[in-house]
Amino acid sequence: MSAARGFGRFCYEFVVGDDWTVALLVVAGIGLTAVLAHHGVAAWWCMPLVVTASLALSLVRATRRP
């Protein structure tokens, strides 16, 4: 396995881990924060809101009974 491929697998496991939806929501939150900041909005509140919501979603999904 090449070093680049190994590094890519490490990055994927580190960022995505067990729940790809949390990683996707955090990336979307970063994008939303950037768009809001670009348009002159004080967007400091966006990432804490997105991270809290993604954590709550992850906990609900993990504790749901089959």
PDB file of N, CA and C in Angstrom:
ATOM      1  N   MET A   1       0.853  -1.172   0.000  1.00  0.00           N
ATOM      2  CA  MET A   1       0.000   0.000   0.000  1.00  0.00           C
ATOM      3  C   MET A   1       0.900   1.236   0.000  1.00  0.00           C
ATOM      4  N   SER A   2       0.586   2.170  -0.857  1.00  0.00           N
ATOM      5  CA  SER A   2       1.411   3.375  -0.938  1.00  0.00           C
ATOM      6  C   SER A   2       1.156   4.267   0.280  1.00  0.00           C
ATOM      7  N   ALA A   3       2.086   5.162   0.488  1.00  0.00           N
ATOM      8  CA  ALA A   3       1.965   6.068   1.627  1.00  0.00           C
ATOM      9  C   ALA A   3       0.770   7.003   1.463  1.00  0.00           C
ATOM     10  N   ALA A   4       0.519   7.445   0.233  1.00  0.00           N
ATOM     11  CA  ALA A   4      -0.612   8.359  -0.003  1.00  0.00           C
ATOM     12  C   ALA A   4      -1.940   7.650   0.254  1.00  0.00           C
ATOM     13  N   ARG A   5      -2.031   6.406  -0.167  1.00  0.00           N
ATOM     14  CA  ARG A   5      -3.275   5.659   0.055  1.00  0.00           C
ATOM     15  C   ARG A   5      -3.494   5.400   1.551  1.00  0.00           C
ATOM     16  N   GLY A   6      -2.434   5.061   2.249  1.00  0.00           N
ATOM     17  CA  GLY A   6      -2.530   4.859   3.694  1.00  0.00           C
ATOM     18  C   GLY A   6      -2.928   6.121   4.428  1.00  0.00           C
ATOM     19  N   PHE A   7      -2.367   7.245   4.001  1.00  0.00           N
ATOM     20  CA  PHE A   7      -2.723   8.524   4.613  1.00  0.00           C
ATOM     21  C   PHE A   7      -4.182   8.882   4.327  1.00  0.00           C
ATOM     22  N   GLY A   8      -4.629   8.586   3.104  1.00  0.00           N
ATOM     23  CA  GLY A   8      -6.025   8.830   2.754  1.00  0.00           C
ATOM     24  C   GLY A   8      -6.972   7.998   3.599  1.00  0.00           C
ATOM     25  N   ARG A   9      -6.634   6.732   3.817  1.00  0.00           N
ATOM     26  CA  ARG A   9      -7.470   5.879   4.673  1.00  0.00           C
ATOM     27  C   ARG A   9      -7.487   6.371   6.111  1.00  0.00           C
ATOM     28  N   PHE A  10      -6.328   6.809   6.595  1.00  0.00           N
ATOM     29  CA  PHE A  10      -6.263   7.355   7.953  1.00  0.00           C
ATOM     30  C   PHE A  10      -7.159   8.583   8.075  1.00  0.00           C
ATOM     31  N   CYS A  11      -7.064   9.489   7.113  1.00  0.00           N
ATOM     32  CA  CYS A  11      -7.877  10.712   7.156  1.00  0.00           C
ATOM     33  C   CYS A  11      -9.363  10.382   7.119  1.00  0.00           C
ATOM     34  N   TYR A  12      -9.745   9.431   6.283  1.00  0.00           N
ATOM     35  CA  TYR A  12     -11.152   9.043   6.196  1.00  0.00           C
ATOM     36  C   TYR A  12     -11.628   8.478   7.535  1.00  0.00           C
ATOM     37  N   GLU A  13     -10.869   7.589   8.121  1.00  0.00           N
ATOM     38  CA  GLU A  13     -11.263   6.996   9.405  1.00  0.00           C
ATOM     39  C   GLU A  13     -11.269   8.040  10.517  1.00  0.00           C
ATOM     40  N   PHE A  14     -10.337   8.986  10.465  1.00  0.00           N
ATOM     41  CA  PHE A  14     -10.256  10.008  11.510  1.00  0.00           C
ATOM     42  C   PHE A  14     -11.415  10.987  11.413  1.00  0.00           C
ATOM     43  N   VAL A  15     -11.744  11.424  10.204  1.00  0.00           N
ATOM     44  CA  VAL A  15     -12.785  12.429  10.028  1.00  0.00           C
ATOM     45  C   VAL A  15     -14.170  11.801  10.069  1.00  0.00           C
ATOM     46  N   VAL A  16     -14.376  10.744   9.319  1.00  0.00           N
ATOM     47  CA  VAL A  16     -15.702  10.140   9.214  1.00  0.00           C
ATOM     48  C   VAL A  16     -15.973   9.223  10.394  1.00  0.00           C
ATOM     49  N   GLY A  17     -15.046   8.366  10.719  1.00  0.00           N
ATOM     50  CA  GLY A  17     -15.192   7.482  11.869  1.00  0.00           C
ATOM     51  C   GLY A  17     -16.385   6.568  11.755  1.00  0.00           C
ATOM     52  N   ASP A  18     -17.194   6.502  12.803  1.00  0.00           N
ATOM     53  CA  ASP A  18     -18.338   5.604  12.837  1.00  0.00           C
ATOM     54  C   ASP A  18     -19.589   6.199  12.209  1.00  0.00           C
ATOM     55  N   ASP A  19     -19.728   7.494  12.213  1.00  0.00           N
ATOM     56  CA  ASP A  19     -20.975   8.119  11.785  1.00  0.00           C
ATOM     57  C   ASP A  19     -20.698   9.173  10.720  1.00  0.00           C
ATOM     58  N   TRP A  20     -20.964   8.837   9.477  1.00  0.00           N
ATOM     59  CA  TRP A  20     -20.694   9.748   8.367  1.00  0.00           C
ATOM     60  C   TRP A  20     -21.637  10.945   8.370  1.00  0.00           C
ATOM     61  N   THR A  21     -22.801  10.813   9.005  1.00  0.00           N
ATOM     62  CA  THR A  21     -23.742  11.928   9.008  1.00  0.00           C
ATOM     63  C   THR A  21     -23.220  13.097   9.839  1.00  0.00           C
ATOM     64  N   VAL A  22     -22.522  12.807  10.926  1.00  0.00           N
ATOM     65  CA  VAL A  22     -21.952  13.881  11.747  1.00  0.00           C
ATOM     66  C   VAL A  22     -20.881  14.614  10.947  1.00  0.00           C
ATOM     67  N   ALA A  23     -20.030  13.871  10.248  1.00  0.00           N
ATOM     68  CA  ALA A  23     -18.996  14.509   9.422  1.00  0.00           C
ATOM     69  C   ALA A  23     -19.626  15.369   8.338  1.00  0.00           C
ATOM     70  N   LEU A  24     -20.680  14.879   7.715  1.00  0.00           N
ATOM     71  CA  LEU A  24     -21.358  15.637   6.662  1.00  0.00           C
ATOM     72  C   LEU A  24     -21.997  16.907   7.222  1.00  0.00           C
ATOM     73  N   LEU A  25     -22.626  16.811   8.379  1.00  0.00           N
ATOM     74  CA  LEU A  25     -23.248  17.986   8.994  1.00  0.00           C
ATOM     75  C   LEU A  25     -22.210  19.025   9.400  1.00  0.00           C
ATOM     76  N   VAL A  26     -21.074  18.589   9.894  1.00  0.00           N
ATOM     77  CA  VAL A  26     -20.030  19.536  10.284  1.00  0.00           C
ATOM     78  C   VAL A  26     -19.460  20.244   9.055  1.00  0.00           C
ATOM     79  N   VAL A  27     -19.245  19.510   7.970  1.00  0.00           N
ATOM     80  CA  VAL A  27     -18.764  20.135   6.728  1.00  0.00           C
ATOM     81  C   VAL A  27     -19.806  21.124   6.202  1.00  0.00           C
ATOM     82  N   ALA A  28     -21.077  20.751   6.253  1.00  0.00           N
ATOM     83  CA  ALA A  28     -22.138  21.662   5.818  1.00  0.00           C
ATOM     84  C   ALA A  28     -22.191  22.894   6.725  1.00  0.00           C
ATOM     85  N   GLY A  29     -21.973  22.705   8.010  1.00  0.00           N
ATOM     86  CA  GLY A  29     -21.951  23.838   8.939  1.00  0.00           C
ATOM     87  C   GLY A  29     -20.796  24.785   8.669  1.00  0.00           C
ATOM     88  N   ILE A  30     -19.641  24.247   8.325  1.00  0.00           N
ATOM     89  CA  ILE A  30     -18.503  25.091   7.968  1.00  0.00           C
ATOM     90  C   ILE A  30     -18.829  25.892   6.713  1.00  0.00           C
ATOM     91  N   GLY A  31     -19.448  25.233   5.740  1.00  0.00           N
ATOM     92  CA  GLY A  31     -19.843  25.944   4.519  1.00  0.00           C
ATOM     93  C   GLY A  31     -20.864  27.024   4.792  1.00  0.00           C
ATOM     94  N   LEU A  32     -21.862  26.726   5.614  1.00  0.00           N
ATOM     95  CA  LEU A  32     -22.884  27.714   5.962  1.00  0.00           C
ATOM     96  C   LEU A  32     -22.276  28.892   6.711  1.00  0.00           C
ATOM     97  N   THR A  33     -21.358  28.617   7.613  1.00  0.00           N
ATOM     98  CA  THR A  33     -20.684  29.681   8.341  1.00  0.00           C
ATOM     99  C   THR A  33     -19.890  30.576   7.392  1.00  0.00           C
ATOM    100  N   ALA A  34     -19.216  29.960   6.434  1.00  0.00           N
ATOM    101  CA  ALA A  34     -18.440  30.737   5.460  1.00  0.00           C
ATOM    102  C   ALA A  34     -19.352  31.619   4.606  1.00  0.00           C
ATOM    103  N   VAL A  35     -20.486  31.063   4.175  1.00  0.00           N
ATOM    104  CA  VAL A  35     -21.420  31.846   3.350  1.00  0.00           C
ATOM    105  C   VAL A  35     -21.994  33.008   4.155  1.00  0.00           C
ATOM    106  N   LEU A  36     -22.395  32.745   5.380  1.00  0.00           N
ATOM    107  CA  LEU A  36     -22.945  33.811   6.220  1.00  0.00           C
ATOM    108  C   LEU A  36     -21.908  34.902   6.487  1.00  0.00           C
ATOM    109  N   ALA A  37     -20.680  34.499   6.798  1.00  0.00           N
ATOM    110  CA  ALA A  37     -19.625  35.474   7.061  1.00  0.00           C
ATOM    111  C   ALA A  37     -19.300  36.288   5.808  1.00  0.00           C
ATOM    112  N   HIS A  38     -19.357  35.645   4.661  1.00  0.00           N
ATOM    113  CA  HIS A  38     -19.094  36.351   3.404  1.00  0.00           C
ATOM    114  C   HIS A  38     -20.127  37.446   3.142  1.00  0.00           C
ATOM    115  N   HIS A  39     -21.340  37.198   3.580  1.00  0.00           N
ATOM    116  CA  HIS A  39     -22.416  38.170   3.388  1.00  0.00           C
ATOM    117  C   HIS A  39     -22.542  39.170   4.531  1.00  0.00           C
ATOM    118  N   GLY A  40     -21.562  39.202   5.405  1.00  0.00           N
ATOM    119  CA  GLY A  40     -21.517  40.211   6.454  1.00  0.00           C
ATOM    120  C   GLY A  40     -22.284  39.872   7.717  1.00  0.00           C
ATOM    121  N   VAL A  41     -22.747  38.648   7.851  1.00  0.00           N
ATOM    122  CA  VAL A  41     -23.474  38.236   9.052  1.00  0.00           C
ATOM    123  C   VAL A  41     -22.462  37.769  10.097  1.00  0.00           C
ATOM    124  N   ALA A  42     -22.674  38.146  11.344  1.00  0.00           N
ATOM    125  CA  ALA A  42     -21.841  37.633  12.432  1.00  0.00           C
ATOM    126  C   ALA A  42     -22.233  36.172  12.651  1.00  0.00           C
ATOM    127  N   ALA A  43     -21.441  35.255  12.131  1.00  0.00           N
ATOM    128  CA  ALA A  43     -21.823  33.848  12.073  1.00  0.00           C
ATOM    129  C   ALA A  43     -21.158  33.001  13.154  1.00  0.00           C
ATOM    130  N   TRP A  44     -20.760  33.588  14.254  1.00  0.00           N
ATOM    131  CA  TRP A  44     -20.089  32.844  15.314  1.00  0.00           C
ATOM    132  C   TRP A  44     -20.998  31.783  15.920  1.00  0.00           C
ATOM    133  N   TRP A  45     -22.294  31.972  15.846  1.00  0.00           N
ATOM    134  CA  TRP A  45     -23.280  31.096  16.475  1.00  0.00           C
ATOM    135  C   TRP A  45     -23.580  29.855  15.638  1.00  0.00           C
ATOM    136  N   CYS A  46     -23.192  29.852  14.395  1.00  0.00           N
ATOM    137  CA  CYS A  46     -23.601  28.786  13.483  1.00  0.00           C
ATOM    138  C   CYS A  46     -22.959  27.431  13.831  1.00  0.00           C
ATOM    139  N   MET A  47     -21.654  27.400  14.014  1.00  0.00           N
ATOM    140  CA  MET A  47     -20.985  26.114  14.266  1.00  0.00           C
ATOM    141  C   MET A  47     -21.386  25.483  15.601  1.00  0.00           C
ATOM    142  N   PRO A  48     -21.481  26.231  16.700  1.00  0.00           N
ATOM    143  CA  PRO A  48     -21.957  25.584  17.927  1.00  0.00           C
ATOM    144  C   PRO A  48     -23.357  24.992  17.774  1.00  0.00           C
ATOM    145  N   LEU A  49     -24.206  25.668  17.028  1.00  0.00           N
ATOM    146  CA  LEU A  49     -25.554  25.159  16.779  1.00  0.00           C
ATOM    147  C   LEU A  49     -25.526  23.872  15.958  1.00  0.00           C
ATOM    148  N   VAL A  50     -24.722  23.852  14.916  1.00  0.00           N
ATOM    149  CA  VAL A  50     -24.624  22.672  14.050  1.00  0.00           C
ATOM    150  C   VAL A  50     -24.008  21.497  14.804  1.00  0.00           C
ATOM    151  N   VAL A  51     -22.970  21.746  15.573  1.00  0.00           N
ATOM    152  CA  VAL A  51     -22.326  20.662  16.321  1.00  0.00           C
ATOM    153  C   VAL A  51     -23.270  20.100  17.377  1.00  0.00           C
ATOM    154  N   THR A  52     -24.007  20.959  18.074  1.00  0.00           N
ATOM    155  CA  THR A  52     -24.972  20.491  19.068  1.00  0.00           C
ATOM    156  C   THR A  52     -26.078  19.668  18.416  1.00  0.00           C
ATOM    157  N   ALA A  53     -26.587  20.136  17.286  1.00  0.00           N
ATOM    158  CA  ALA A  53     -27.639  19.409  16.585  1.00  0.00           C
ATOM    159  C   ALA A  53     -27.136  18.068  16.060  1.00  0.00           C
ATOM    160  N   SER A  54     -25.907  18.031  15.551  1.00  0.00           N
ATOM    161  CA  SER A  54     -25.384  16.759  15.033  1.00  0.00           C
ATOM    162  C   SER A  54     -25.115  15.780  16.168  1.00  0.00           C
ATOM    163  N   LEU A  55     -24.670  16.279  17.315  1.00  0.00           N
ATOM    164  CA  LEU A  55     -24.485  15.406  18.471  1.00  0.00           C
ATOM    165  C   LEU A  55     -25.816  14.839  18.938  1.00  0.00           C
ATOM    166  N   ALA A  56     -26.847  15.680  18.997  1.00  0.00           N
ATOM    167  CA  ALA A  56     -28.168  15.209  19.408  1.00  0.00           C
ATOM    168  C   ALA A  56     -28.704  14.163  18.431  1.00  0.00           C
ATOM    169  N   LEU A  57     -28.540  14.416  17.141  1.00  0.00           N
ATOM    170  CA  LEU A  57     -28.980  13.443  16.130  1.00  0.00           C
ATOM    171  C   LEU A  57     -28.236  12.125  16.273  1.00  0.00           C
ATOM    172  N   SER A  58     -26.938  12.208  16.501  1.00  0.00           N
ATOM    173  CA  SER A  58     -26.137  10.998  16.666  1.00  0.00           C
ATOM    174  C   SER A  58     -26.565  10.209  17.900  1.00  0.00           C
ATOM    175  N   LEU A  59     -26.836  10.902  18.998  1.00  0.00           N
ATOM    176  CA  LEU A  59     -27.267  10.222  20.219  1.00  0.00           C
ATOM    177  C   LEU A  59     -28.641   9.578  20.058  1.00  0.00           C
ATOM    178  N   VAL A  60     -29.545  10.265  19.376  1.00  0.00           N
ATOM    179  CA  VAL A  60     -30.873   9.692  19.141  1.00  0.00           C
ATOM    180  C   VAL A  60     -30.758   8.433  18.287  1.00  0.00           C
ATOM    181  N   ARG A  61     -29.948   8.504  17.243  1.00  0.00           N
ATOM    182  CA  ARG A  61     -29.779   7.342  16.371  1.00  0.00           C
ATOM    183  C   ARG A  61     -29.106   6.186  17.095  1.00  0.00           C
ATOM    184  N   ALA A  62     -28.168   6.481  18.000  1.00  0.00           N
ATOM    185  CA  ALA A  62     -27.435   5.430  18.703  1.00  0.00           C
ATOM    186  C   ALA A  62     -28.266   4.766  19.791  1.00  0.00           C
ATOM    187  N   THR A  63     -29.183   5.505  20.386  1.00  0.00           N
ATOM    188  CA  THR A  63     -29.965   4.945  21.490  1.00  0.00           C
ATOM    189  C   THR A  63     -31.337   4.447  21.081  1.00  0.00           C
ATOM    190  N   ARG A  64     -31.681   4.584  19.810  1.00  0.00           N
ATOM    191  CA  ARG A  64     -32.968   4.112  19.334  1.00  0.00           C
ATOM    192  C   ARG A  64     -33.024   2.591  19.421  1.00  0.00           C
ATOM    193  N   ARG A  65     -34.140   2.086  19.881  1.00  0.00           N
ATOM    194  CA  ARG A  65     -34.309   0.625  19.965  1.00  0.00           C
ATOM    195  C   ARG A  65     -34.719   0.078  18.617  1.00  0.00           C
ATOM    196  N   PRO A  66     -34.214  -1.099  18.282  1.00  0.00           N
ATOM    197  CA  PRO A  66     -34.559  -1.694  16.970  1.00  0.00           C
ATOM    198  C   PRO A  66     -35.997  -2.135  16.861  1.00  0.00           C
TER     199      PRO A  66
END
